[in-house]
């Protein structure tokens, strides 16, 4: 017998799933509102999700008023574009490729994550995810290696956001054999052809990003939104430190709060200061010094002991040692 008996079919693993994937689904055309209809934006479920995301952004990040304003403007643009579509008002799809410029620790990655959530809620991208890469993830070591690496990164970001940190390292004009330009050429193509399924965010220091875009005008023309992240003020950094401490079920006592403000006065003037990132590192070291101090106490510990960071935990930083040395040198120079 060469075939299955009439009325019977042979079971094939995965056949049902394959059949479901291959089934033709008839798309229901969108309902177009009448010209005299009214649209209540507050009733749009997408707007509710957007407002929730914006609220998270406000609660997570201190300051950054300019950044938050630009994010709200982008949200408003997409909400209105969505509303126009319900009236059948055809227009070109807004370009969402972006540039985030600013120093380290200013919230660029956090904003990228929230931006992905917002774009997903508005139906602009399929997935609320961010795939973060640097030059090493895109540029190959030999001929023929760069294109596969770049396309692999693009495939991982497909349907979401590709976040390229320190993007200016892709451009190295001093090295004629550098393959970074190949990455840029691939990105140029993908940003245009896949604009309906991919958002690219370039990030880095302001001055270097200016040079990067000026040397690549084709790339610059595809980036519609340039958002600047300013460095935090000392008072904003103190507020950030208190949020970080509270989130970990610690607290500064009154003297420690003043000591941490003094710490920032000194640390902000030193090299390699990284805004909120440096604050987080400083808080971690305060916790180390607190732990050492508590272990050395010759008495039982209370809950208050375990939660409180004191001025001694802050002043133990080597930053204050360098401050004393600097002041001593200044006095000796004046003698």
Protein backbone atom coordinates (compact mmCIF):
# COMPACT_ATOMS: atom_id res chain seq x y z
CA UNK A 1 0.00 0.00 0.00
CA UNK A 2 1.46 3.28 -1.05
CA UNK A 3 -0.67 5.80 0.82
CA UNK A 4 -2.58 6.31 4.04
CA UNK A 5 -6.02 4.74 4.37
CA UNK A 6 -8.91 6.93 3.26
CA UNK A 7 -10.11 9.15 6.07
CA UNK A 8 -6.82 8.95 7.95
CA UNK A 9 -3.79 11.29 7.99
CA UNK A 10 -0.28 10.62 9.16
CA UNK A 11 0.78 12.62 12.23
CA UNK A 12 3.80 14.84 11.66
CA UNK A 13 5.40 16.58 14.67
CA UNK A 14 4.89 20.31 14.42
CA UNK A 15 2.48 19.98 11.51
CA UNK A 16 -0.33 21.79 13.32
CA UNK A 17 1.91 24.71 14.22
CA UNK A 18 3.21 24.89 10.67
CA UNK A 19 -0.32 24.82 9.27
CA UNK A 20 -1.31 27.64 11.64
CA UNK A 21 1.65 29.73 10.50
CA UNK A 22 0.84 29.10 6.86
CA UNK A 23 -2.89 29.73 7.20
CA UNK A 24 -4.02 32.83 5.37
CA UNK A 25 -5.51 35.31 7.80
CA UNK A 26 -7.89 37.75 6.23
CA UNK A 27 -7.00 41.22 7.44
CA UNK A 28 -9.88 43.34 8.63
CA UNK A 29 -9.60 46.81 7.11
CA UNK A 30 -9.48 49.61 9.69
CA UNK A 31 -12.71 51.48 10.32
CA UNK A 32 -12.46 55.04 9.00
CA UNK A 33 -14.35 57.63 11.04
CA UNK A 34 -16.82 59.99 9.40
CA UNK A 35 -15.62 63.51 8.62
CA UNK A 36 -17.90 64.99 11.29
CA UNK A 37 -16.91 62.46 13.97
CA UNK A 38 -15.09 63.48 17.16
CA UNK A 39 -12.17 61.56 18.60
CA UNK A 40 -11.50 61.53 22.36
CA UNK A 41 -7.74 61.09 22.78
CA UNK A 42 -8.15 60.43 26.50
CA UNK A 43 -10.07 57.26 25.68
CA UNK A 44 -7.23 55.84 23.58
CA UNK A 45 -5.76 52.84 25.44
CA UNK A 46 -2.37 53.57 23.88
CA UNK A 47 -2.35 57.01 25.49
CA UNK A 48 -2.91 55.43 28.90
CA UNK A 49 0.16 53.20 28.39
CA UNK A 50 2.17 56.20 27.19
CA UNK A 51 1.24 58.23 30.27
CA UNK A 52 2.26 55.32 32.50
CA UNK A 53 5.64 55.17 30.74
CA UNK A 54 6.15 58.93 31.04
CA UNK A 55 5.28 58.74 34.73
CA UNK A 56 7.95 56.03 35.20
CA UNK A 57 10.44 58.27 33.43
CA UNK A 58 9.62 61.16 35.77
CA UNK A 59 9.97 58.98 38.86
CA UNK A 60 13.19 57.29 37.71
CA UNK A 61 15.14 60.33 36.54
CA UNK A 62 15.81 63.53 38.46
CA UNK A 63 15.93 66.74 36.41
CA UNK A 64 16.44 66.39 32.63
CA UNK A 65 13.53 68.76 31.94
CA UNK A 66 14.61 69.27 28.32
CA UNK A 67 14.82 65.53 27.68
CA UNK A 68 11.43 64.83 29.24
CA UNK A 69 9.86 67.64 27.21
CA UNK A 70 11.24 66.21 23.96
CA UNK A 71 9.99 62.72 24.84
CA UNK A 72 6.50 64.13 25.48
CA UNK A 73 6.63 65.98 22.15
CA UNK A 74 7.47 62.74 20.35
CA UNK A 75 4.63 60.96 22.16
CA UNK A 76 2.21 63.72 21.14
CA UNK A 77 3.37 63.51 17.49
CA UNK A 78 2.69 59.79 17.35
CA UNK A 79 -0.66 60.07 19.14
CA UNK A 80 -1.84 62.67 16.65
CA UNK A 81 -0.49 60.62 13.73
CA UNK A 82 -2.46 57.67 15.09
CA UNK A 83 -5.60 59.84 15.34
CA UNK A 84 -5.15 61.11 11.77
CA UNK A 85 -5.04 57.52 10.56
CA UNK A 86 -8.47 56.86 12.09
CA UNK A 87 -9.87 59.60 9.84
CA UNK A 88 -8.10 58.18 6.80
CA UNK A 89 -5.67 61.11 6.60
CA UNK A 90 -2.70 59.54 4.86
CA UNK A 91 0.76 60.97 5.56
CA UNK A 92 4.33 59.76 5.65
CA UNK A 93 5.35 57.70 8.67
CA UNK A 94 7.22 59.90 11.20
CA UNK A 95 10.92 59.08 11.37
CA UNK A 96 11.97 58.03 14.86
CA UNK A 97 15.73 57.53 14.52
CA UNK A 98 17.43 59.56 17.27
CA UNK A 99 20.67 60.91 18.67
CA UNK A 100 21.27 61.11 22.43
CA UNK A 101 24.21 63.34 23.31
CA UNK A 102 25.63 63.89 26.77
CA UNK A 103 28.14 62.73 29.34
CA UNK A 104 28.17 59.31 31.01
CA UNK A 105 25.62 58.62 33.70
CA UNK A 106 23.05 61.15 32.45
CA UNK A 107 20.24 58.66 31.84
CA UNK A 108 20.57 57.99 28.10
CA UNK A 109 20.10 54.21 28.42
CA UNK A 110 17.11 54.60 30.76
CA UNK A 111 15.42 57.01 28.36
CA UNK A 112 16.06 54.59 25.48
CA UNK A 113 14.31 51.82 27.42
CA UNK A 114 11.30 54.00 28.16
CA UNK A 115 11.24 55.26 24.58
CA UNK A 116 11.02 51.65 23.36
CA UNK A 117 8.07 51.01 25.68
CA UNK A 118 6.32 54.14 24.45
CA UNK A 119 6.89 53.41 20.76
CA UNK A 120 5.61 49.88 21.26
CA UNK A 121 2.46 51.11 23.05
CA UNK A 122 1.76 53.39 20.09
CA UNK A 123 2.21 50.57 17.59
CA UNK A 124 5.33 52.07 16.04
CA UNK A 125 7.56 49.07 16.81
CA UNK A 126 6.60 45.43 17.41
CA UNK A 127 8.65 44.81 20.55
CA UNK A 128 9.41 47.04 23.56
CA UNK A 129 13.06 46.00 23.61
CA UNK A 130 16.43 47.71 23.29
CA UNK A 131 19.48 45.92 21.87
CA UNK A 132 22.60 47.81 22.99
CA UNK A 133 25.83 47.59 21.01
CA UNK A 134 29.20 49.30 20.75
CA UNK A 135 31.78 49.45 17.97
CA UNK A 136 33.19 46.03 18.94
CA UNK A 137 29.79 44.42 18.28
CA UNK A 138 29.59 45.86 14.77
CA UNK A 139 33.08 46.23 13.30
CA UNK A 140 34.99 43.16 12.16
CA UNK A 141 38.71 42.46 12.36
CA UNK A 142 39.23 41.53 8.73
CA UNK A 143 37.67 41.87 5.26
CA UNK A 144 34.24 40.30 5.04
CA UNK A 145 33.74 40.16 8.82
CA UNK A 146 31.98 43.50 9.39
CA UNK A 147 28.82 43.00 7.33
CA UNK A 148 27.79 39.73 9.06
CA UNK A 149 28.43 41.23 12.52
CA UNK A 150 26.41 44.35 11.75
CA UNK A 151 23.55 42.40 10.20
CA UNK A 152 23.48 40.07 13.20
CA UNK A 153 23.07 43.09 15.51
CA UNK A 154 20.33 44.47 13.26
CA UNK A 155 18.55 41.12 13.31
CA UNK A 156 18.63 41.04 17.12
CA UNK A 157 17.18 44.56 17.24
CA UNK A 158 14.55 43.93 14.56
CA UNK A 159 11.12 45.11 15.63
CA UNK A 160 12.61 47.21 18.43
CA UNK A 161 15.40 49.69 19.14
CA UNK A 162 19.09 49.42 18.26
CA UNK A 163 21.05 51.55 20.75
CA UNK A 164 24.60 52.30 19.56
CA UNK A 165 26.66 53.59 22.49
CA UNK A 166 29.74 55.74 21.82
CA UNK A 167 28.68 55.74 18.16
CA UNK A 168 31.46 58.18 17.16
CA UNK A 169 33.98 55.32 17.38
CA UNK A 170 32.48 54.00 14.14
CA UNK A 171 34.19 56.89 12.34
CA UNK A 172 38.00 56.83 12.33
CA UNK A 173 39.21 58.96 9.42
CA UNK A 174 42.83 58.63 10.52
CA UNK A 175 42.76 54.91 9.64
CA UNK A 176 42.08 54.26 5.94
CA UNK A 177 41.77 50.52 6.55
CA UNK A 178 39.16 50.89 9.30
CA UNK A 179 35.89 49.03 8.66
CA UNK A 180 33.67 51.42 10.63
CA UNK A 181 32.58 53.17 7.44
CA UNK A 182 31.17 49.88 6.19
CA UNK A 183 28.95 49.74 9.29
CA UNK A 184 27.71 53.27 8.60
CA UNK A 185 26.85 52.37 5.00
CA UNK A 186 24.87 49.31 6.12
CA UNK A 187 23.07 51.38 8.75
CA UNK A 188 22.16 54.02 6.17
CA UNK A 189 20.44 51.37 4.06
CA UNK A 190 18.67 49.64 6.93
CA UNK A 191 17.48 52.87 8.57
CA UNK A 192 15.68 53.78 5.36
CA UNK A 193 14.41 50.39 4.19
CA UNK A 194 13.46 49.08 7.66
CA UNK A 195 12.15 52.31 9.16
CA UNK A 196 8.77 50.64 9.73
CA UNK A 197 10.29 47.97 11.99
CA UNK A 198 13.46 49.44 13.48
CA UNK A 199 14.50 52.54 15.42
CA UNK A 200 18.21 53.36 15.71
CA UNK A 201 19.50 55.55 18.55
CA UNK A 202 23.07 56.87 18.36
CA UNK A 203 24.57 57.93 21.70
CA UNK A 204 27.77 59.60 22.86
CA UNK A 205 29.53 62.77 24.03
CA UNK A 206 28.14 65.95 22.47
CA UNK A 207 31.31 67.29 20.80
CA UNK A 208 32.33 63.92 19.35
CA UNK A 209 28.82 63.25 18.06
CA UNK A 210 28.85 66.64 16.31
CA UNK A 211 32.00 65.58 14.45
CA UNK A 212 30.52 62.15 13.73
CA UNK A 213 27.37 63.54 12.11
CA UNK A 214 29.14 66.36 10.26
CA UNK A 215 31.38 63.76 8.61
CA UNK A 216 28.36 61.63 7.64
CA UNK A 217 25.67 63.97 6.25
CA UNK A 218 23.63 61.08 4.86
CA UNK A 219 23.41 59.61 8.34
CA UNK A 220 22.58 62.95 9.95
CA UNK A 221 19.69 63.50 7.53
CA UNK A 222 18.09 60.24 8.66
CA UNK A 223 18.18 61.18 12.34
CA UNK A 224 15.10 63.27 13.06
CA UNK A 225 15.43 63.76 16.81
CA UNK A 226 18.58 65.08 18.47
CA UNK A 227 18.21 65.13 22.26
CA UNK A 228 20.83 66.67 24.55
CA UNK A 229 21.36 65.26 28.07
CA UNK A 230 22.86 67.91 30.34
CA UNK A 231 25.15 67.07 33.26
CA UNK A 232 23.41 66.99 36.63
CA UNK A 233 23.85 69.79 39.14
CA UNK A 234 25.22 69.02 42.59
CA UNK A 235 21.76 69.39 44.19
CA UNK A 236 20.28 67.00 41.62
CA UNK A 237 23.04 64.49 42.34
CA UNK A 238 22.35 64.73 46.09
CA UNK A 239 18.69 63.99 45.34
CA UNK A 240 19.73 61.06 43.14
CA UNK A 241 21.92 59.68 45.94
CA UNK A 242 19.01 59.83 48.40
CA UNK A 243 16.76 57.97 45.96
CA UNK A 244 19.43 55.30 45.43
CA UNK A 245 19.96 54.92 49.18
CA UNK A 246 16.22 54.73 49.88
CA UNK A 247 15.66 52.14 47.14
CA UNK A 248 18.15 49.87 48.92
CA UNK A 249 16.48 50.38 52.35
CA UNK A 250 19.25 52.62 53.67
CA UNK A 251 19.20 56.26 54.72
CA UNK A 252 21.68 59.08 55.30
CA UNK A 253 21.58 60.67 58.72
CA UNK A 254 21.65 64.48 58.77
CA UNK A 255 25.44 64.72 59.03
CA UNK A 256 25.97 62.14 56.29
CA UNK A 257 23.75 64.09 53.92
CA UNK A 258 25.91 67.17 54.39
CA UNK A 259 29.07 65.10 54.06
CA UNK A 260 27.88 63.58 50.78
CA UNK A 261 27.21 67.05 49.41
CA UNK A 262 30.82 67.96 50.32
CA UNK A 263 31.98 64.77 48.63
CA UNK A 264 30.26 65.81 45.41
CA UNK A 265 31.80 69.29 45.52
CA UNK A 266 35.22 67.67 45.36
CA UNK A 267 34.46 64.66 43.15
CA UNK A 268 32.73 66.70 40.43
CA UNK A 269 35.99 68.61 39.86
CA UNK A 270 38.03 65.46 39.37
CA UNK A 271 38.66 63.52 36.14
CA UNK A 272 36.33 60.74 34.95
CA UNK A 273 33.32 61.97 36.89
CA UNK A 274 30.26 60.18 35.48
CA UNK A 275 27.22 61.88 37.01
CA UNK A 276 24.70 59.37 38.41
CA UNK A 277 27.06 56.47 37.67
CA UNK A 278 29.71 57.99 39.95
CA UNK A 279 27.07 58.64 42.60
CA UNK A 280 26.05 54.99 42.52
CA UNK A 281 29.67 53.91 42.93
CA UNK A 282 30.12 56.34 45.83
CA UNK A 283 27.00 55.01 47.58
CA UNK A 284 28.28 51.45 47.17
CA UNK A 285 31.57 52.41 48.81
CA UNK A 286 29.68 54.11 51.65
CA UNK A 287 27.93 50.81 52.24
CA UNK A 288 31.29 49.01 52.35
CA UNK A 289 32.59 51.42 54.98
CA UNK A 290 29.34 51.14 56.95
CA UNK A 291 29.62 47.33 56.93
CA UNK A 292 33.19 47.46 58.21
CA UNK A 293 32.20 49.95 60.92
CA UNK A 294 29.27 47.82 62.11
CA UNK A 295 31.26 44.57 62.18
CA UNK A 296 33.84 46.25 64.40
CA UNK A 297 31.23 47.43 66.95
CA UNK A 298 31.30 45.55 70.24
CA UNK A 299 27.55 45.46 70.74
CA UNK A 300 24.38 43.97 69.23
CA UNK A 301 23.04 45.74 66.15
CA UNK A 302 19.63 47.34 65.73
CA UNK A 303 17.58 47.78 62.58
CA UNK A 304 18.45 51.48 62.69
CA UNK A 305 22.17 50.62 62.77
CA UNK A 306 21.78 48.47 59.67
CA UNK A 307 19.87 51.13 57.75
CA UNK A 308 21.83 54.27 58.61
CA UNK A 309 24.81 55.65 56.72
CA UNK A 310 26.76 58.13 58.84
CA UNK A 311 29.14 60.99 58.09
CA UNK A 312 32.04 58.67 58.94
CA UNK A 313 30.96 56.33 56.15
CA UNK A 314 31.19 59.24 53.70
CA UNK A 315 34.31 60.98 54.99
CA UNK A 316 36.24 57.72 54.74
CA UNK A 317 36.45 58.26 50.98
CA UNK A 318 39.89 58.81 49.45
CA UNK A 319 38.38 61.86 47.71
CA UNK A 320 38.74 63.77 50.99
CA UNK A 321 42.37 62.68 51.31
CA UNK A 322 43.11 64.21 47.92
CA UNK A 323 41.27 67.36 48.98
CA UNK A 324 43.46 67.71 52.09
CA UNK A 325 46.60 67.14 50.02
CA UNK A 326 45.51 69.74 47.48
CA UNK A 327 44.77 72.32 50.18
CA UNK A 328 48.15 71.63 51.80
CA UNK A 329 49.95 72.19 48.51
CA UNK A 330 48.05 75.45 47.99
CA UNK A 331 49.09 76.71 51.44
CA UNK A 332 52.73 75.78 50.83
CA UNK A 333 52.67 77.55 47.46
CA UNK A 334 51.47 80.74 49.16
CA UNK A 335 54.20 80.71 51.83
